[in-house]
Amino acid sequence: IYLLISILFFFNIRVALSTALALLLTSAIVQILKHWFFYDIVRPTLHITEPLYTIPGLEIHKYHSFPSGHTAQAFALA
């Protein structure tokens, strides 16, 4: 994504700056909402009753699941 913004600087600085601002604002808003307001929402894996195959040593987190930072940036870029 940052490479795309860098390329946009060569073509149109206004578009590049507005894209960067949109990505930063969206990411900040999503992280604030996810960690401060919806911190007690559990991930879907806690509702699955059958055992899941996991990689040994992999920690499965229980909170802060959606939307991810990648999802928020893809939405903002679209």
PDB file of N, CA and C in Angstrom:
ATOM      1  N   ILE A   1       0.834  -1.191   0.000  1.00  0.00           N
ATOM      2  CA  ILE A   1       0.000   0.000   0.000  1.00  0.00           C
ATOM      3  C   ILE A   1       0.874   1.247   0.000  1.00  0.00           C
ATOM      4  N   TYR A   2       1.949   1.213   0.793  1.00  0.00           N
ATOM      5  CA  TYR A   2       2.810   2.395   0.858  1.00  0.00           C
ATOM      6  C   TYR A   2       3.559   2.600  -0.451  1.00  0.00           C
ATOM      7  N   LEU A   3       3.828   1.517  -1.173  1.00  0.00           N
ATOM      8  CA  LEU A   3       4.443   1.637  -2.490  1.00  0.00           C
ATOM      9  C   LEU A   3       3.478   2.327  -3.451  1.00  0.00           C
ATOM     10  N   LEU A   4       2.197   1.980  -3.364  1.00  0.00           N
ATOM     11  CA  LEU A   4       1.186   2.620  -4.199  1.00  0.00           C
ATOM     12  C   LEU A   4       1.121   4.117  -3.923  1.00  0.00           C
ATOM     13  N   ILE A   5       1.160   4.488  -2.662  1.00  0.00           N
ATOM     14  CA  ILE A   5       1.127   5.908  -2.307  1.00  0.00           C
ATOM     15  C   ILE A   5       2.370   6.612  -2.839  1.00  0.00           C
ATOM     16  N   SER A   6       3.525   5.960  -2.758  1.00  0.00           N
ATOM     17  CA  SER A   6       4.757   6.545  -3.274  1.00  0.00           C
ATOM     18  C   SER A   6       4.683   6.759  -4.775  1.00  0.00           C
ATOM     19  N   ILE A   7       4.111   5.795  -5.482  1.00  0.00           N
ATOM     20  CA  ILE A   7       3.954   5.930  -6.935  1.00  0.00           C
ATOM     21  C   ILE A   7       2.988   7.067  -7.257  1.00  0.00           C
ATOM     22  N   LEU A   8       1.928   7.203  -6.468  1.00  0.00           N
ATOM     23  CA  LEU A   8       0.965   8.276  -6.711  1.00  0.00           C
ATOM     24  C   LEU A   8       1.596   9.654  -6.552  1.00  0.00           C
ATOM     25  N   PHE A   9       2.611   9.773  -5.703  1.00  0.00           N
ATOM     26  CA  PHE A   9       3.285  11.057  -5.531  1.00  0.00           C
ATOM     27  C   PHE A   9       3.891  11.547  -6.840  1.00  0.00           C
ATOM     28  N   PHE A  10       4.320  10.618  -7.696  1.00  0.00           N
ATOM     29  CA  PHE A  10       4.911  11.024  -8.970  1.00  0.00           C
ATOM     30  C   PHE A  10       3.857  11.529  -9.944  1.00  0.00           C
ATOM     31  N   PHE A  11       2.629  11.091  -9.796  1.00  0.00           N
ATOM     32  CA  PHE A  11       1.581  11.471 -10.729  1.00  0.00           C
ATOM     33  C   PHE A  11       0.713  12.624 -10.217  1.00  0.00           C
ATOM     34  N   ASN A  12       0.282  12.516  -8.973  1.00  0.00           N
ATOM     35  CA  ASN A  12      -0.616  13.534  -8.449  1.00  0.00           C
ATOM     36  C   ASN A  12      -0.452  13.587  -6.925  1.00  0.00           C
ATOM     37  N   ILE A  13       0.126  14.658  -6.444  1.00  0.00           N
ATOM     38  CA  ILE A  13       0.388  14.791  -5.012  1.00  0.00           C
ATOM     39  C   ILE A  13      -0.915  14.872  -4.224  1.00  0.00           C
ATOM     40  N   ARG A  14      -1.913  15.521  -4.780  1.00  0.00           N
ATOM     41  CA  ARG A  14      -3.199  15.663  -4.082  1.00  0.00           C
ATOM     42  C   ARG A  14      -3.856  14.307  -3.843  1.00  0.00           C
ATOM     43  N   VAL A  15      -3.846  13.456  -4.862  1.00  0.00           N
ATOM     44  CA  VAL A  15      -4.431  12.118  -4.731  1.00  0.00           C
ATOM     45  C   VAL A  15      -3.627  11.290  -3.737  1.00  0.00           C
ATOM     46  N   ALA A  16      -2.312  11.388  -3.799  1.00  0.00           N
ATOM     47  CA  ALA A  16      -1.462  10.624  -2.888  1.00  0.00           C
ATOM     48  C   ALA A  16      -1.685  11.042  -1.442  1.00  0.00           C
ATOM     49  N   LEU A  17      -1.762  12.334  -1.185  1.00  0.00           N
ATOM     50  CA  LEU A  17      -1.981  12.811   0.182  1.00  0.00           C
ATOM     51  C   LEU A  17      -3.364  12.442   0.705  1.00  0.00           C
ATOM     52  N   SER A  18      -4.371  12.538  -0.144  1.00  0.00           N
ATOM     53  CA  SER A  18      -5.721  12.179   0.309  1.00  0.00           C
ATOM     54  C   SER A  18      -5.833  10.675   0.550  1.00  0.00           C
ATOM     55  N   THR A  19      -5.138   9.866  -0.262  1.00  0.00           N
ATOM     56  CA  THR A  19      -5.131   8.424  -0.045  1.00  0.00           C
ATOM     57  C   THR A  19      -4.433   8.078   1.261  1.00  0.00           C
ATOM     58  N   ALA A  20      -3.296   8.693   1.498  1.00  0.00           N
ATOM     59  CA  ALA A  20      -2.560   8.444   2.737  1.00  0.00           C
ATOM     60  C   ALA A  20      -3.377   8.870   3.949  1.00  0.00           C
ATOM     61  N   LEU A  21      -4.040  10.014   3.869  1.00  0.00           N
ATOM     62  CA  LEU A  21      -4.867  10.491   4.973  1.00  0.00           C
ATOM     63  C   LEU A  21      -6.041   9.554   5.232  1.00  0.00           C
ATOM     64  N   ALA A  22      -6.669   9.082   4.165  1.00  0.00           N
ATOM     65  CA  ALA A  22      -7.783   8.146   4.321  1.00  0.00           C
ATOM     66  C   ALA A  22      -7.328   6.850   4.988  1.00  0.00           C
ATOM     67  N   LEU A  23      -6.169   6.347   4.590  1.00  0.00           N
ATOM     68  CA  LEU A  23      -5.650   5.115   5.193  1.00  0.00           C
ATOM     69  C   LEU A  23      -5.314   5.315   6.663  1.00  0.00           C
ATOM     70  N   LEU A  24      -4.685   6.425   6.980  1.00  0.00           N
ATOM     71  CA  LEU A  24      -4.319   6.690   8.371  1.00  0.00           C
ATOM     72  C   LEU A  24      -5.541   6.884   9.261  1.00  0.00           C
ATOM     73  N   LEU A  25      -6.502   7.665   8.786  1.00  0.00           N
ATOM     74  CA  LEU A  25      -7.705   7.912   9.586  1.00  0.00           C
ATOM     75  C   LEU A  25      -8.526   6.640   9.790  1.00  0.00           C
ATOM     76  N   THR A  26      -8.682   5.867   8.729  1.00  0.00           N
ATOM     77  CA  THR A  26      -9.453   4.631   8.840  1.00  0.00           C
ATOM     78  C   THR A  26      -8.790   3.661   9.813  1.00  0.00           C
ATOM     79  N   SER A  27      -7.486   3.513   9.687  1.00  0.00           N
ATOM     80  CA  SER A  27      -6.774   2.609  10.591  1.00  0.00           C
ATOM     81  C   SER A  27      -6.869   3.070  12.039  1.00  0.00           C
ATOM     82  N   ALA A  28      -6.717   4.357  12.266  1.00  0.00           N
ATOM     83  CA  ALA A  28      -6.796   4.890  13.629  1.00  0.00           C
ATOM     84  C   ALA A  28      -8.190   4.691  14.216  1.00  0.00           C
ATOM     85  N   ILE A  29      -9.216   4.983  13.449  1.00  0.00           N
ATOM     86  CA  ILE A  29     -10.590   4.846  13.937  1.00  0.00           C
ATOM     87  C   ILE A  29     -10.901   3.385  14.258  1.00  0.00           C
ATOM     88  N   VAL A  30     -10.504   2.481  13.378  1.00  0.00           N
ATOM     89  CA  VAL A  30     -10.771   1.057  13.597  1.00  0.00           C
ATOM     90  C   VAL A  30     -10.055   0.557  14.847  1.00  0.00           C
ATOM     91  N   GLN A  31      -8.785   0.922  15.018  1.00  0.00           N
ATOM     92  CA  GLN A  31      -8.041   0.463  16.185  1.00  0.00           C
ATOM     93  C   GLN A  31      -8.611   1.032  17.481  1.00  0.00           C
ATOM     94  N   ILE A  32      -9.013   2.290  17.462  1.00  0.00           N
ATOM     95  CA  ILE A  32      -9.615   2.903  18.656  1.00  0.00           C
ATOM     96  C   ILE A  32     -10.920   2.203  19.008  1.00  0.00           C
ATOM     97  N   LEU A  33     -11.772   1.988  18.009  1.00  0.00           N
ATOM     98  CA  LEU A  33     -13.045   1.303  18.276  1.00  0.00           C
ATOM     99  C   LEU A  33     -12.809  -0.119  18.766  1.00  0.00           C
ATOM    100  N   LYS A  34     -11.882  -0.823  18.128  1.00  0.00           N
ATOM    101  CA  LYS A  34     -11.641  -2.221  18.459  1.00  0.00           C
ATOM    102  C   LYS A  34     -11.063  -2.405  19.859  1.00  0.00           C
ATOM    103  N   HIS A  35     -10.175  -1.518  20.275  1.00  0.00           N
ATOM    104  CA  HIS A  35      -9.499  -1.705  21.559  1.00  0.00           C
ATOM    105  C   HIS A  35     -10.164  -0.975  22.718  1.00  0.00           C
ATOM    106  N   TRP A  36     -10.925   0.067  22.468  1.00  0.00           N
ATOM    107  CA  TRP A  36     -11.527   0.844  23.560  1.00  0.00           C
ATOM    108  C   TRP A  36     -13.020   0.603  23.739  1.00  0.00           C
ATOM    109  N   PHE A  37     -13.753   0.421  22.648  1.00  0.00           N
ATOM    110  CA  PHE A  37     -15.208   0.312  22.755  1.00  0.00           C
ATOM    111  C   PHE A  37     -15.718  -1.113  22.601  1.00  0.00           C
ATOM    112  N   PHE A  38     -15.080  -1.925  21.769  1.00  0.00           N
ATOM    113  CA  PHE A  38     -15.535  -3.292  21.534  1.00  0.00           C
ATOM    114  C   PHE A  38     -14.490  -4.299  22.001  1.00  0.00           C
ATOM    115  N   TYR A  39     -13.807  -4.001  23.087  1.00  0.00           N
ATOM    116  CA  TYR A  39     -12.715  -4.837  23.573  1.00  0.00           C
ATOM    117  C   TYR A  39     -13.182  -6.185  24.106  1.00  0.00           C
ATOM    118  N   ASP A  40     -14.453  -6.321  24.457  1.00  0.00           N
ATOM    119  CA  ASP A  40     -14.927  -7.575  25.046  1.00  0.00           C
ATOM    120  C   ASP A  40     -15.622  -8.487  24.037  1.00  0.00           C
ATOM    121  N   ILE A  41     -15.594  -8.134  22.769  1.00  0.00           N
ATOM    122  CA  ILE A  41     -16.185  -8.980  21.731  1.00  0.00           C
ATOM    123  C   ILE A  41     -15.213 -10.116  21.433  1.00  0.00           C
ATOM    124  N   VAL A  42     -15.695 -11.348  21.495  1.00  0.00           N
ATOM    125  CA  VAL A  42     -14.823 -12.510  21.314  1.00  0.00           C
ATOM    126  C   VAL A  42     -14.702 -12.882  19.842  1.00  0.00           C
ATOM    127  N   ARG A  43     -13.625 -13.589  19.541  1.00  0.00           N
ATOM    128  CA  ARG A  43     -13.409 -14.094  18.186  1.00  0.00           C
ATOM    129  C   ARG A  43     -14.307 -15.304  17.930  1.00  0.00           C
ATOM    130  N   PRO A  44     -14.593 -15.598  16.668  1.00  0.00           N
ATOM    131  CA  PRO A  44     -15.472 -16.733  16.350  1.00  0.00           C
ATOM    132  C   PRO A  44     -14.931 -18.085  16.793  1.00  0.00           C
ATOM    133  N   THR A  45     -13.619 -18.226  16.958  1.00  0.00           N
ATOM    134  CA  THR A  45     -13.081 -19.539  17.344  1.00  0.00           C
ATOM    135  C   THR A  45     -13.558 -19.988  18.715  1.00  0.00           C
ATOM    136  N   LEU A  46     -13.973 -19.063  19.563  1.00  0.00           N
ATOM    137  CA  LEU A  46     -14.481 -19.457  20.881  1.00  0.00           C
ATOM    138  C   LEU A  46     -15.867 -20.083  20.811  1.00  0.00           C
ATOM    139  N   HIS A  47     -16.568 -19.910  19.691  1.00  0.00           N
ATOM    140  CA  HIS A  47     -17.912 -20.468  19.536  1.00  0.00           C
ATOM    141  C   HIS A  47     -17.907 -21.814  18.807  1.00  0.00           C
ATOM    142  N   ILE A  48     -16.750 -22.234  18.311  1.00  0.00           N
ATOM    143  CA  ILE A  48     -16.649 -23.506  17.600  1.00  0.00           C
ATOM    144  C   ILE A  48     -16.481 -24.623  18.628  1.00  0.00           C
ATOM    145  N   THR A  49     -17.344 -25.636  18.541  1.00  0.00           N
ATOM    146  CA  THR A  49     -17.325 -26.707  19.535  1.00  0.00           C
ATOM    147  C   THR A  49     -16.377 -27.843  19.161  1.00  0.00           C
ATOM    148  N   GLU A  50     -16.175 -28.095  17.873  1.00  0.00           N
ATOM    149  CA  GLU A  50     -15.278 -29.181  17.472  1.00  0.00           C
ATOM    150  C   GLU A  50     -13.826 -28.716  17.567  1.00  0.00           C
ATOM    151  N   PRO A  51     -12.922 -29.636  17.814  1.00  0.00           N
ATOM    152  CA  PRO A  51     -11.511 -29.231  17.973  1.00  0.00           C
ATOM    153  C   PRO A  51     -10.925 -28.710  16.663  1.00  0.00           C
ATOM    154  N   LEU A  52     -10.113 -27.682  16.767  1.00  0.00           N
ATOM    155  CA  LEU A  52      -9.456 -27.087  15.611  1.00  0.00           C
ATOM    156  C   LEU A  52      -8.031 -27.597  15.512  1.00  0.00           C
ATOM    157  N   TYR A  53      -7.575 -27.812  14.284  1.00  0.00           N
ATOM    158  CA  TYR A  53      -6.173 -28.150  14.094  1.00  0.00           C
ATOM    159  C   TYR A  53      -5.378 -26.858  14.185  1.00  0.00           C
ATOM    160  N   THR A  54      -4.425 -26.805  15.072  1.00  0.00           N
ATOM    161  CA  THR A  54      -3.584 -25.619  15.209  1.00  0.00           C
ATOM    162  C   THR A  54      -2.123 -26.019  15.141  1.00  0.00           C
ATOM    163  N   ILE A  55      -1.303 -25.085  14.808  1.00  0.00           N
ATOM    164  CA  ILE A  55       0.133 -25.290  14.761  1.00  0.00           C
ATOM    165  C   ILE A  55       0.641 -25.306  16.200  1.00  0.00           C
ATOM    166  N   PRO A  56       1.452 -26.270  16.562  1.00  0.00           N
ATOM    167  CA  PRO A  56       1.974 -26.315  17.936  1.00  0.00           C
ATOM    168  C   PRO A  56       2.739 -25.032  18.281  1.00  0.00           C
ATOM    169  N   GLY A  57       2.412 -24.466  19.429  1.00  0.00           N
ATOM    170  CA  GLY A  57       3.058 -23.246  19.875  1.00  0.00           C
ATOM    171  C   GLY A  57       2.373 -21.969  19.404  1.00  0.00           C
ATOM    172  N   LEU A  58       1.360 -22.096  18.561  1.00  0.00           N
ATOM    173  CA  LEU A  58       0.634 -20.929  18.065  1.00  0.00           C
ATOM    174  C   LEU A  58      -0.374 -20.465  19.104  1.00  0.00           C
ATOM    175  N   GLU A  59      -0.314 -19.203  19.452  1.00  0.00           N
ATOM    176  CA  GLU A  59      -1.259 -18.654  20.426  1.00  0.00           C
ATOM    177  C   GLU A  59      -2.506 -18.149  19.697  1.00  0.00           C
ATOM    178  N   ILE A  60      -3.655 -18.621  20.109  1.00  0.00           N
ATOM    179  CA  ILE A  60      -4.911 -18.175  19.506  1.00  0.00           C
ATOM    180  C   ILE A  60      -5.491 -17.092  20.400  1.00  0.00           C
ATOM    181  N   HIS A  61      -5.624 -15.915  19.846  1.00  0.00           N
ATOM    182  CA  HIS A  61      -6.140 -14.789  20.603  1.00  0.00           C
ATOM    183  C   HIS A  61      -7.654 -14.906  20.760  1.00  0.00           C
ATOM    184  N   LYS A  62      -8.176 -14.322  21.820  1.00  0.00           N
ATOM    185  CA  LYS A  62      -9.598 -14.447  22.115  1.00  0.00           C
ATOM    186  C   LYS A  62     -10.382 -13.173  21.841  1.00  0.00           C
ATOM    187  N   TYR A  63      -9.707 -12.021  21.720  1.00  0.00           N
ATOM    188  CA  TYR A  63     -10.393 -10.743  21.539  1.00  0.00           C
ATOM    189  C   TYR A  63      -9.749  -9.938  20.408  1.00  0.00           C
ATOM    190  N   HIS A  64     -10.335  -8.792  20.102  1.00  0.00           N
ATOM    191  CA  HIS A  64      -9.842  -7.846  19.091  1.00  0.00           C
ATOM    192  C   HIS A  64      -9.751  -8.499  17.713  1.00  0.00           C
ATOM    193  N   SER A  65     -10.825  -9.066  17.249  1.00  0.00           N
ATOM    194  CA  SER A  65     -10.733  -9.842  16.031  1.00  0.00           C
ATOM    195  C   SER A  65     -11.050  -9.058  14.765  1.00  0.00           C
ATOM    196  N   PHE A  66     -12.160  -8.365  14.692  1.00  0.00           N
ATOM    197  CA  PHE A  66     -12.561  -7.774  13.416  1.00  0.00           C
ATOM    198  C   PHE A  66     -12.952  -6.333  13.620  1.00  0.00           C
ATOM    199  N   PRO A  67     -12.681  -5.489  12.697  1.00  0.00           N
ATOM    200  CA  PRO A  67     -11.911  -5.718  11.480  1.00  0.00           C
ATOM    201  C   PRO A  67     -10.426  -5.628  11.739  1.00  0.00           C
ATOM    202  N   SER A  68      -9.689  -6.336  10.954  1.00  0.00           N
ATOM    203  CA  SER A  68      -8.235  -6.291  11.100  1.00  0.00           C
ATOM    204  C   SER A  68      -7.715  -5.010  10.461  1.00  0.00           C
ATOM    205  N   GLY A  69      -6.483  -4.687  10.738  1.00  0.00           N
ATOM    206  CA  GLY A  69      -5.883  -3.506  10.137  1.00  0.00           C
ATOM    207  C   GLY A  69      -5.814  -3.624   8.628  1.00  0.00           C
ATOM    208  N   HIS A  70      -5.545  -4.829   8.141  1.00  0.00           N
ATOM    209  CA  HIS A  70      -5.488  -5.037   6.693  1.00  0.00           C
ATOM    210  C   HIS A  70      -6.865  -4.844   6.058  1.00  0.00           C
ATOM    211  N   THR A  71      -7.895  -5.330   6.720  1.00  0.00           N
ATOM    212  CA  THR A  71      -9.250  -5.162   6.200  1.00  0.00           C
ATOM    213  C   THR A  71      -9.642  -3.683   6.166  1.00  0.00           C
ATOM    214  N   ALA A  72      -9.312  -2.951   7.201  1.00  0.00           N
ATOM    215  CA  ALA A  72      -9.636  -1.525   7.252  1.00  0.00           C
ATOM    216  C   ALA A  72      -8.910  -0.742   6.166  1.00  0.00           C
ATOM    217  N   GLN A  73      -7.630  -1.059   5.934  1.00  0.00           N
ATOM    218  CA  GLN A  73      -6.893  -0.353   4.907  1.00  0.00           C
ATOM    219  C   GLN A  73      -7.386  -0.711   3.508  1.00  0.00           C
ATOM    220  N   ALA A  74      -7.750  -1.955   3.277  1.00  0.00           N
ATOM    221  CA  ALA A  74      -8.296  -2.346   1.973  1.00  0.00           C
ATOM    222  C   ALA A  74      -9.624  -1.635   1.718  1.00  0.00           C
ATOM    223  N   PHE A  75     -10.462  -1.535   2.739  1.00  0.00           N
ATOM    224  CA  PHE A  75     -11.736  -0.826   2.607  1.00  0.00           C
ATOM    225  C   PHE A  75     -11.505   0.649   2.298  1.00  0.00           C
ATOM    226  N   ALA A  76     -10.566   1.280   3.013  1.00  0.00           N
ATOM    227  CA  ALA A  76     -10.288   2.692   2.786  1.00  0.00           C
ATOM    228  C   ALA A  76      -9.715   2.930   1.401  1.00  0.00           C
ATOM    229  N   LEU A  77      -8.863   2.017   0.938  1.00  0.00           N
ATOM    230  CA  LEU A  77      -8.270   2.173  -0.374  1.00  0.00           C
ATOM    231  C   LEU A  77      -9.302   1.981  -1.477  1.00  0.00           C
ATOM    232  N   ALA A  78     -10.254   1.065  -1.240  1.00  0.00           N
ATOM    233  CA  ALA A  78     -11.308   0.841  -2.247  1.00  0.00           C
ATOM    234  C   ALA A  78     -12.198   2.061  -2.335  1.00  0.00           C
TER     235      ALA A  78
END
